[in-house]
Amino acid sequence: MEQLRFDGRVAVVTGAGGGLGKAYALLLASRGAKVVVNDLGSARDGVGKSNFADAVVKEIRDKGGEAVADYNSVVEGEKLIKTALDNYGRVDILINNAGILRDKSFQKLSEQDWDLIQAVHLKGAYKTTQAAWETFKKQNFGRVIMTSSNAGLMGNFGQSNYSAAKMGLVGLASTLAIEGAKYNIKVNTIVPTAASRLTEDILPPDMFQAMKPELIAPVVAYMVHESFEDSGIIIDSTLGFAHKAHIVRAPGVPLSHEDFSALPTFFILPGMSMESPVVADSMPPGKHADFTNILHGEQYLEIVNEFPGTEGAYVDLKNVVKEGNATAGQAQTQSSAGTLKSDSLFAKIQDGIKANPDKAKTLDLKSSLSVYEGEPKNGKADTTLTVSDDDMMDIAAGTLGPQVAYLKGKLKISGNIMLAQKLGPLLKSDAKL
């Protein structure tokens, strides 16, 4: 098997003064990479200083490799990346490995214990990766590793702060994998279990000796090689084994109870439109989604005040020509004698407006079927709704949700889409026509 090489590549490894980071740095350097060995030199709780990074650099150079030491905090990621750019002019690989522990049961956890863990693990990875991101984009190449933990994926007693940060890194990697795809930036997550400063008094002595960081280093080296095409994945590795970890979702049970539905209001139409491809792609074969039965916290809007008055709006009802009904020079309509089934609906709307002057708005039903309260008689409408006669009646009867009609192209809205919601209360009052 051909040996993977990193000639010409520049790798930044955080927390590389010992343990896993050191193993990564030594292996990459032995395969031709120029390595920035970053280590703040602190103990596992983030306290103290040492010259671990210098020792690793010396070991690399003694073996004929190239490396420089960096003692900046990962929270100041721009300084760390500057070390790489100043010395080698580029950066190709970033392994976010630095970490500390402040283990305490949740009840005893202090805010400082929480903040320090988030700063080093999560914010440190964010700051360092962001500092390298523009360089990756310009080069059209980048390989990034986030370091998570089984404590993050599954939880562990006394590590609520650590678990939260480690799962946060999974989310960060997943999003960056999407954002970096067009620039050939691959972002993946390693979940290592190995002997290190962080695990020296957690693992049994015999297991500590067996779980060498050198057994995980080849997995990470493979993940940052230019030939590695996966992005956004999680690899769990220990004792020479490696396997993918997945966040999965079961097929689920359809819930269509009438009490569990979003209000059919035009307020959520833009959000539902943006969500529709995501929902459609995730549906099981043969299933479909009714968007009126979807509740999503980020798209929930509570209307506490009415929108300000507008110049005007009208609803343009058009007969839809069915396929095959059209002939040269004429088209058959779905209603005879020029009447529409929805005429009675708009007559009721006009009666409702007269009975409730505070709800009155200018609905110019294409001039001849006007519903007014004062001005304007002329001027351009703010909103146009185009819908077939049958679909308009279905919407009014509540058998066709406005969101569904909009997403299926049965209801077309131009102009101020948010203004269309003002039609909702009028339609609701006549749902049994």
Protein backbone atom coordinates (compact mmCIF):
# COMPACT_ATOMS: atom_id res chain seq x y z
CA MET A 1 0.00 0.00 0.00
CA GLU A 2 1.33 3.42 -0.96
CA GLN A 3 2.33 5.60 1.97
CA LEU A 4 0.29 8.77 2.41
CA ARG A 5 2.53 11.80 2.10
CA PHE A 6 2.08 15.43 3.17
CA ASP A 7 4.98 17.04 1.30
CA GLY A 8 4.42 20.78 0.88
CA ARG A 9 1.56 20.85 3.37
CA VAL A 10 1.54 22.96 6.53
CA ALA A 11 -0.24 21.52 9.55
CA VAL A 12 -1.26 23.30 12.75
CA VAL A 13 -1.85 21.00 15.71
CA THR A 14 -3.19 22.51 18.94
CA GLY A 15 -2.42 20.88 22.28
CA ALA A 16 0.53 19.14 20.61
CA GLY A 17 2.91 19.19 23.58
CA GLY A 18 1.98 15.65 24.59
CA GLY A 19 -0.50 12.81 24.21
CA LEU A 20 -2.64 12.75 21.08
CA GLY A 21 -1.49 16.13 19.75
CA LYS A 22 2.16 15.11 19.95
CA ALA A 23 1.44 11.83 18.17
CA TYR A 24 -0.35 13.71 15.38
CA ALA A 25 2.50 16.22 14.99
CA LEU A 26 5.23 13.57 14.90
CA LEU A 27 3.43 11.44 12.33
CA LEU A 28 2.58 14.33 10.01
CA ALA A 29 6.16 15.64 10.20
CA SER A 30 7.52 12.18 9.41
CA ARG A 31 5.38 12.18 6.25
CA GLY A 32 6.70 15.51 4.98
CA ALA A 33 4.41 18.12 6.55
CA LYS A 34 5.71 21.33 8.11
CA VAL A 35 4.14 21.45 11.57
CA VAL A 36 3.19 24.26 13.94
CA VAL A 37 3.32 22.64 17.37
CA ASN A 38 0.93 24.62 19.57
CA ASP A 39 0.73 24.03 23.30
CA LEU A 40 -0.01 26.50 26.05
CA GLY A 41 2.04 24.29 28.33
CA SER A 42 -0.53 24.03 31.11
CA ALA A 43 -1.66 21.08 33.17
CA ARG A 44 -4.92 19.35 32.31
CA ASP A 45 -6.93 21.89 34.32
CA GLY A 46 -5.42 24.76 32.33
CA VAL A 47 -3.07 25.93 35.11
CA GLY A 48 0.71 26.30 34.89
CA LYS A 49 3.28 26.57 32.12
CA SER A 50 5.86 24.28 30.51
CA ASN A 51 8.00 23.97 27.40
CA PHE A 52 6.36 20.84 26.00
CA ALA A 53 6.04 22.36 22.52
CA ASP A 54 9.79 23.05 22.29
CA ALA A 55 10.55 19.44 23.16
CA VAL A 56 8.27 18.17 20.39
CA VAL A 57 9.79 20.58 17.86
CA LYS A 58 13.28 19.40 18.80
CA GLU A 59 12.24 15.77 18.31
CA ILE A 60 10.84 16.56 14.86
CA ARG A 61 13.94 18.49 13.80
CA ASP A 62 16.27 15.79 15.12
CA LYS A 63 14.54 13.39 12.73
CA GLY A 64 14.98 15.74 9.78
CA GLY A 65 11.54 17.33 9.85
CA GLU A 66 10.40 20.96 9.95
CA ALA A 67 8.47 22.45 12.85
CA VAL A 68 8.03 25.59 14.93
CA ALA A 69 6.61 26.00 18.43
CA ASP A 70 3.66 28.20 19.30
CA TYR A 71 2.56 29.05 22.84
CA ASN A 72 -0.52 31.15 22.08
CA SER A 73 -3.88 30.31 23.62
CA VAL A 74 -6.34 28.80 21.16
CA VAL A 75 -8.79 31.51 22.22
CA GLU A 76 -6.44 33.86 20.34
CA GLY A 77 -6.54 31.69 17.26
CA GLU A 78 -5.49 34.45 14.89
CA LYS A 79 -2.08 34.60 16.58
CA LEU A 80 -1.65 30.87 16.23
CA ILE A 81 -2.47 30.90 12.51
CA LYS A 82 -0.20 33.93 12.06
CA THR A 83 2.68 31.77 13.33
CA ALA A 84 2.03 29.34 10.47
CA LEU A 85 1.69 32.06 7.84
CA ASP A 86 4.77 33.98 9.03
CA ASN A 87 6.95 30.87 9.00
CA TYR A 88 5.59 28.90 6.06
CA GLY A 89 3.32 31.23 4.08
CA ARG A 90 0.28 28.96 4.17
CA VAL A 91 -1.78 26.58 6.29
CA ASP A 92 -3.44 23.45 4.91
CA ILE A 93 -4.34 21.34 7.92
CA LEU A 94 -5.78 22.31 11.30
CA ILE A 95 -6.24 19.76 14.06
CA ASN A 96 -8.19 21.26 16.97
CA ASN A 97 -6.93 19.01 19.75
CA ALA A 98 -6.30 21.35 22.71
CA GLY A 99 -8.38 20.72 25.79
CA ILE A 100 -8.58 20.87 29.57
CA LEU A 101 -10.79 19.29 32.22
CA ARG A 102 -12.70 20.78 35.15
CA ASP A 103 -14.76 17.77 36.26
CA LYS A 104 -17.43 18.30 38.91
CA SER A 105 -20.94 17.07 39.47
CA PHE A 106 -23.49 19.43 37.99
CA GLN A 107 -24.71 20.77 41.34
CA LYS A 108 -21.17 21.75 42.34
CA LEU A 109 -20.12 23.13 38.96
CA SER A 110 -19.11 26.79 39.12
CA GLU A 111 -19.63 29.29 36.35
CA GLN A 112 -15.86 29.59 36.00
CA ASP A 113 -15.57 25.82 35.53
CA TRP A 114 -18.20 26.03 32.82
CA ASP A 115 -16.72 29.06 31.04
CA LEU A 116 -13.14 27.77 30.98
CA ILE A 117 -14.14 24.50 29.36
CA GLN A 118 -16.27 26.24 26.72
CA ALA A 119 -13.47 28.74 26.05
CA VAL A 120 -10.72 26.20 25.45
CA HIS A 121 -12.67 23.48 23.66
CA LEU A 122 -15.47 25.20 21.77
CA LYS A 123 -14.46 28.84 21.45
CA GLY A 124 -10.82 27.88 20.88
CA ALA A 125 -11.78 25.66 17.93
CA TYR A 126 -14.07 28.40 16.58
CA LYS A 127 -11.42 31.13 16.83
CA THR A 128 -8.58 29.08 15.37
CA THR A 129 -10.65 27.62 12.54
CA GLN A 130 -12.11 31.01 11.66
CA ALA A 131 -8.61 32.51 11.53
CA ALA A 132 -7.55 29.87 8.98
CA TRP A 133 -10.80 29.84 7.00
CA GLU A 134 -10.01 32.66 4.58
CA THR A 135 -6.65 31.07 3.74
CA PHE A 136 -8.35 27.74 3.11
CA LYS A 137 -10.82 29.41 0.74
CA LYS A 138 -8.10 31.23 -1.22
CA GLN A 139 -6.12 28.00 -1.58
CA ASN A 140 -9.26 26.01 -2.43
CA PHE A 141 -8.00 23.47 0.07
CA GLY A 142 -8.36 22.87 3.78
CA ARG A 143 -8.60 19.97 6.18
CA VAL A 144 -10.01 20.54 9.67
CA ILE A 145 -10.40 18.13 12.57
CA MET A 146 -12.61 18.81 15.59
CA THR A 147 -11.99 16.65 18.65
CA SER A 148 -15.12 15.39 20.40
CA SER A 149 -15.50 12.71 23.05
CA ASN A 150 -17.72 9.84 24.07
CA ALA A 151 -18.69 12.08 26.96
CA GLY A 152 -20.12 14.46 24.37
CA LEU A 153 -21.90 11.79 22.35
CA MET A 154 -23.26 9.79 25.28
CA GLY A 155 -22.64 11.81 28.45
CA ASN A 156 -20.51 11.04 31.49
CA PHE A 157 -21.02 11.70 35.18
CA GLY A 158 -19.28 14.85 36.42
CA GLN A 159 -18.56 16.19 32.94
CA SER A 160 -21.57 18.30 32.05
CA ASN A 161 -19.37 21.25 31.02
CA TYR A 162 -17.01 19.04 29.02
CA SER A 163 -19.85 17.04 27.42
CA ALA A 164 -21.65 20.19 26.29
CA ALA A 165 -18.51 21.60 24.68
CA LYS A 166 -17.66 18.33 22.97
CA MET A 167 -21.13 17.93 21.48
CA GLY A 168 -20.98 21.56 20.43
CA LEU A 169 -17.90 20.73 18.36
CA VAL A 170 -19.89 18.07 16.49
CA GLY A 171 -22.46 20.69 15.54
CA LEU A 172 -19.75 23.16 14.55
CA ALA A 173 -18.06 20.58 12.34
CA SER A 174 -21.35 19.62 10.68
CA THR A 175 -22.10 23.21 9.72
CA LEU A 176 -18.56 24.03 8.58
CA ALA A 177 -18.59 20.91 6.40
CA ILE A 178 -21.56 22.43 4.56
CA GLU A 179 -20.08 25.92 4.31
CA GLY A 180 -16.67 24.63 3.22
CA ALA A 181 -17.85 22.18 0.57
CA LYS A 182 -17.56 24.55 -2.41
CA TYR A 183 -13.99 25.48 -1.40
CA ASN A 184 -12.69 21.90 -0.97
CA ILE A 185 -12.56 22.35 2.80
CA LYS A 186 -13.27 19.08 4.59
CA VAL A 187 -14.28 19.31 8.25
CA ASN A 188 -14.60 16.12 10.29
CA THR A 189 -14.75 15.02 13.92
CA ILE A 190 -12.54 12.52 15.72
CA VAL A 191 -13.72 10.86 18.93
CA PRO A 192 -10.49 9.46 20.41
CA THR A 193 -10.03 7.41 23.55
CA ALA A 194 -6.34 7.24 24.44
CA ALA A 195 -3.79 7.70 27.19
CA SER A 196 -3.12 11.40 27.72
CA ARG A 197 -2.87 14.08 30.37
CA LEU A 198 -6.67 14.20 30.41
CA THR A 199 -7.14 10.48 31.06
CA GLU A 200 -4.12 9.52 33.18
CA ASP A 201 -6.14 9.09 36.39
CA ILE A 202 -9.42 8.09 34.75
CA LEU A 203 -8.30 4.91 32.96
CA PRO A 204 -7.06 1.78 34.80
CA PRO A 205 -3.22 1.53 34.66
CA ASP A 206 -3.11 -1.52 32.38
CA MET A 207 -5.60 0.03 29.96
CA PHE A 208 -3.75 3.35 30.10
CA GLN A 209 -0.58 1.61 28.91
CA ALA A 210 -2.40 -0.18 26.08
CA MET A 211 -4.31 2.84 24.76
CA LYS A 212 -1.41 4.53 23.03
CA PRO A 213 -2.05 7.80 21.16
CA GLU A 214 0.09 6.40 18.34
CA LEU A 215 -2.77 3.99 17.55
CA ILE A 216 -5.11 6.91 16.77
CA ALA A 217 -2.64 9.16 14.93
CA PRO A 218 -2.84 7.18 11.63
CA VAL A 219 -6.62 7.57 11.61
CA VAL A 220 -6.37 11.34 11.99
CA ALA A 221 -3.57 11.55 9.42
CA TYR A 222 -5.79 9.75 6.93
CA MET A 223 -8.69 12.12 7.70
CA VAL A 224 -6.57 15.21 6.90
CA HIS A 225 -4.97 13.82 3.75
CA GLU A 226 -5.88 15.38 0.41
CA SER A 227 -7.32 12.05 -0.78
CA PHE A 228 -9.90 11.93 2.02
CA GLU A 229 -13.22 12.97 0.49
CA ASP A 230 -15.68 12.62 3.39
CA SER A 231 -16.78 15.73 5.24
CA GLY A 232 -19.08 16.21 8.21
CA ILE A 233 -18.55 12.69 9.56
CA ILE A 234 -17.67 11.43 13.04
CA ILE A 235 -14.95 8.80 13.50
CA ASP A 236 -14.63 7.02 16.84
CA SER A 237 -11.20 5.47 17.41
CA THR A 238 -9.35 3.59 20.16
CA LEU A 239 -6.90 0.67 20.54
CA GLY A 240 -6.28 0.53 16.80
CA PHE A 241 -9.97 0.35 15.89
CA ALA A 242 -11.89 3.02 14.01
CA HIS A 243 -15.54 3.24 13.08
CA LYS A 244 -18.08 5.85 12.10
CA ALA A 245 -20.50 7.22 14.66
CA HIS A 246 -23.88 8.49 13.52
CA ILE A 247 -26.64 10.66 14.89
CA VAL A 248 -29.73 8.83 13.68
CA ARG A 249 -33.45 9.43 13.52
CA ALA A 250 -36.01 6.63 13.65
CA PRO A 251 -38.81 6.43 11.01
CA GLY A 252 -41.20 7.87 13.57
CA VAL A 253 -44.98 7.87 13.89
CA PRO A 254 -47.18 10.27 11.86
CA LEU A 255 -49.05 12.75 14.02
CA SER A 256 -51.99 14.43 12.32
CA HIS A 257 -54.29 15.25 15.20
CA GLU A 258 -56.29 18.37 14.48
CA ASP A 259 -55.14 19.92 17.75
CA PHE A 260 -51.50 19.58 16.69
CA SER A 261 -51.07 22.01 13.84
CA ALA A 262 -49.66 25.38 13.06
CA LEU A 263 -52.25 28.10 12.59
CA PRO A 264 -52.90 28.49 8.84
CA THR A 265 -51.50 31.98 8.78
CA PHE A 266 -49.46 33.67 6.12
CA PHE A 267 -47.01 34.81 8.79
CA ILE A 268 -45.07 31.55 8.51
CA LEU A 269 -45.17 31.16 4.72
CA PRO A 270 -41.61 32.43 4.07
CA GLY A 271 -40.18 30.15 6.74
CA MET A 272 -42.10 27.12 5.49
CA SER A 273 -40.95 27.82 1.94
CA MET A 274 -37.33 27.76 3.02
CA GLU A 275 -37.85 24.60 5.05
CA SER A 276 -39.71 22.67 2.35
CA PRO A 277 -36.68 21.12 0.56
CA VAL A 278 -35.22 19.98 3.89
CA VAL A 279 -38.47 18.37 5.00
CA ALA A 280 -39.14 16.78 1.61
CA ASP A 281 -35.68 15.22 1.44
CA SER A 282 -36.02 13.67 4.90
CA MET A 283 -39.46 12.10 4.38
CA PRO A 284 -39.69 8.28 4.16
CA PRO A 285 -40.55 6.87 0.71
CA GLY A 286 -44.23 7.17 -0.10
CA LYS A 287 -44.88 9.74 2.63
CA HIS A 288 -45.66 13.41 2.25
CA ALA A 289 -45.62 16.35 4.62
CA ASP A 290 -48.56 18.60 5.37
CA PHE A 291 -46.85 21.84 6.28
CA THR A 292 -49.82 22.96 8.35
CA ASN A 293 -48.96 20.14 10.78
CA ILE A 294 -45.39 21.22 11.34
CA LEU A 295 -44.40 23.21 14.40
CA HIS A 296 -40.87 24.58 14.60
CA GLY A 297 -39.75 26.88 17.37
CA GLU A 298 -37.49 28.99 15.18
CA GLN A 299 -40.40 29.82 12.85
CA TYR A 300 -43.00 30.57 15.49
CA LEU A 301 -44.24 34.14 15.50
CA GLU A 302 -46.65 35.52 18.05
CA ILE A 303 -48.46 38.51 16.61
CA VAL A 304 -48.86 41.08 19.35
CA ASN A 305 -49.82 44.06 17.21
CA GLU A 306 -51.52 44.49 13.87
CA PHE A 307 -49.43 45.52 10.91
CA PRO A 308 -49.75 49.21 9.99
CA GLY A 309 -52.33 50.19 7.40
CA THR A 310 -51.42 49.89 3.74
CA GLU A 311 -52.42 51.58 0.53
CA GLY A 312 -54.48 48.70 -0.77
CA ALA A 313 -54.65 45.13 -1.94
CA TYR A 314 -56.70 43.03 -4.29
CA VAL A 315 -57.38 39.38 -4.96
CA ASP A 316 -57.22 38.39 -8.62
CA LEU A 317 -59.28 35.24 -9.27
CA LYS A 318 -58.41 33.51 -12.51
CA ASN A 319 -59.92 30.41 -14.05
CA VAL A 320 -57.28 27.74 -14.52
CA VAL A 321 -57.37 26.09 -17.95
CA LYS A 322 -57.15 22.34 -17.54
CA GLU A 323 -54.65 20.49 -19.69
CA GLY A 324 -56.30 19.30 -22.88
CA ASN A 325 -59.21 21.77 -22.69
CA ALA A 326 -57.54 24.55 -24.64
CA THR A 327 -58.26 24.94 -28.38
CA ALA A 328 -56.89 27.32 -30.96
CA GLY A 329 -58.16 30.76 -30.12
CA GLN A 330 -60.26 29.85 -27.07
CA ALA A 331 -60.18 28.07 -23.71
CA GLN A 332 -62.97 26.43 -21.76
CA THR A 333 -63.59 27.83 -18.29
CA GLN A 334 -64.50 25.82 -15.22
CA SER A 335 -67.58 27.94 -14.43
CA SER A 336 -70.44 28.67 -16.77
CA ALA A 337 -72.13 31.97 -17.62
CA GLY A 338 -69.12 33.90 -16.32
CA THR A 339 -70.01 33.25 -12.68
CA LEU A 340 -67.67 31.92 -10.04
CA LYS A 341 -68.55 29.71 -7.09
CA SER A 342 -66.50 32.03 -4.92
CA ASP A 343 -68.70 35.04 -5.75
CA SER A 344 -70.82 34.23 -2.70
CA LEU A 345 -67.68 34.06 -0.60
CA PHE A 346 -66.64 37.59 -1.48
CA ALA A 347 -70.17 38.83 -1.01
CA LYS A 348 -69.98 37.46 2.52
CA ILE A 349 -66.59 39.09 2.98
CA GLN A 350 -68.05 42.44 1.96
CA ASP A 351 -70.93 41.97 4.42
CA GLY A 352 -68.42 41.09 7.13
CA ILE A 353 -66.41 44.19 6.45
CA LYS A 354 -69.47 46.41 6.67
CA ALA A 355 -70.42 44.77 9.97
CA ASN A 356 -66.90 45.21 11.36
CA PRO A 357 -65.60 48.62 10.25
CA ASP A 358 -62.44 48.23 12.35
CA LYS A 359 -61.39 45.33 10.09
CA ALA A 360 -62.13 47.17 6.85
CA LYS A 361 -59.35 47.29 4.29
CA THR A 362 -59.40 48.19 0.64
CA LEU A 363 -60.00 44.94 -1.29
CA ASP A 364 -60.24 46.02 -4.92
CA LEU A 365 -61.58 42.86 -6.56
CA LYS A 366 -60.34 43.95 -9.97
CA SER A 367 -62.32 47.23 -9.96
CA SER A 368 -65.85 45.95 -10.61
CA LEU A 369 -66.20 43.97 -7.37
CA SER A 370 -64.79 46.59 -5.04
CA VAL A 371 -64.88 46.46 -1.27
CA TYR A 372 -63.84 49.80 0.17
CA GLU A 373 -63.58 51.92 3.24
CA GLY A 374 -62.38 55.24 2.01
CA GLU A 375 -59.31 55.79 -0.16
CA PRO A 376 -57.70 54.76 -2.39
CA LYS A 377 -59.84 54.28 -5.45
CA ASN A 378 -56.79 54.27 -7.69
CA GLY A 379 -53.17 53.31 -7.45
CA LYS A 380 -51.21 50.10 -7.49
CA ALA A 381 -52.18 47.33 -5.07
CA ASP A 382 -49.65 46.19 -2.51
CA THR A 383 -50.47 42.50 -2.82
CA THR A 384 -51.88 40.26 -5.54
CA LEU A 385 -53.21 36.78 -4.84
CA THR A 386 -53.77 34.57 -7.89
CA VAL A 387 -55.76 31.40 -7.27
CA SER A 388 -58.26 29.21 -9.12
CA ASP A 389 -61.94 29.35 -8.24
CA ASP A 390 -62.02 25.81 -6.78
CA ASP A 391 -58.85 26.30 -4.79
CA MET A 392 -60.16 29.58 -3.37
CA MET A 393 -63.25 27.78 -2.11
CA ASP A 394 -61.14 24.96 -0.65
CA ILE A 395 -58.98 27.47 1.20
CA ALA A 396 -62.06 29.23 2.56
CA ALA A 397 -63.59 25.90 3.62
CA GLY A 398 -60.42 24.91 5.40
CA THR A 399 -59.84 21.78 3.26
CA LEU A 400 -56.78 23.32 1.60
CA GLY A 401 -54.24 25.01 3.85
CA PRO A 402 -52.92 28.35 2.52
CA GLN A 403 -49.36 27.18 3.14
CA VAL A 404 -49.90 23.97 1.21
CA ALA A 405 -51.57 25.86 -1.63
CA TYR A 406 -48.69 28.30 -1.76
CA LEU A 407 -46.01 25.61 -1.72
CA LYS A 408 -47.80 23.58 -4.42
CA GLY A 409 -48.10 26.61 -6.66
CA LYS A 410 -51.89 26.74 -6.43
CA LEU A 411 -51.74 30.09 -4.66
CA LYS A 412 -49.42 32.71 -6.09
CA ILE A 413 -48.60 35.84 -4.13
CA SER A 414 -46.83 38.88 -5.48
CA GLY A 415 -46.03 42.10 -3.70
CA ASN A 416 -46.09 42.26 0.08
CA ILE A 417 -46.51 38.60 1.09
CA MET A 418 -47.04 39.49 4.75
CA LEU A 419 -50.07 41.60 3.86
CA ALA A 420 -51.88 38.48 2.65
CA GLN A 421 -52.42 37.38 6.26
CA LYS A 422 -55.10 40.07 6.60
CA LEU A 423 -57.38 37.91 4.48
CA GLY A 424 -57.22 35.11 7.06
CA PRO A 425 -59.82 36.37 9.59
CA LEU A 426 -62.29 37.08 6.78
CA LEU A 427 -61.94 33.61 5.31
CA LYS A 428 -62.12 31.92 8.70
CA SER A 429 -65.50 33.43 9.45
CA ASP A 430 -66.89 31.91 6.24
CA ALA A 431 -65.31 28.48 6.39
CA LYS A 432 -68.70 26.70 6.14
CA LEU A 433 -69.94 28.38 2.98
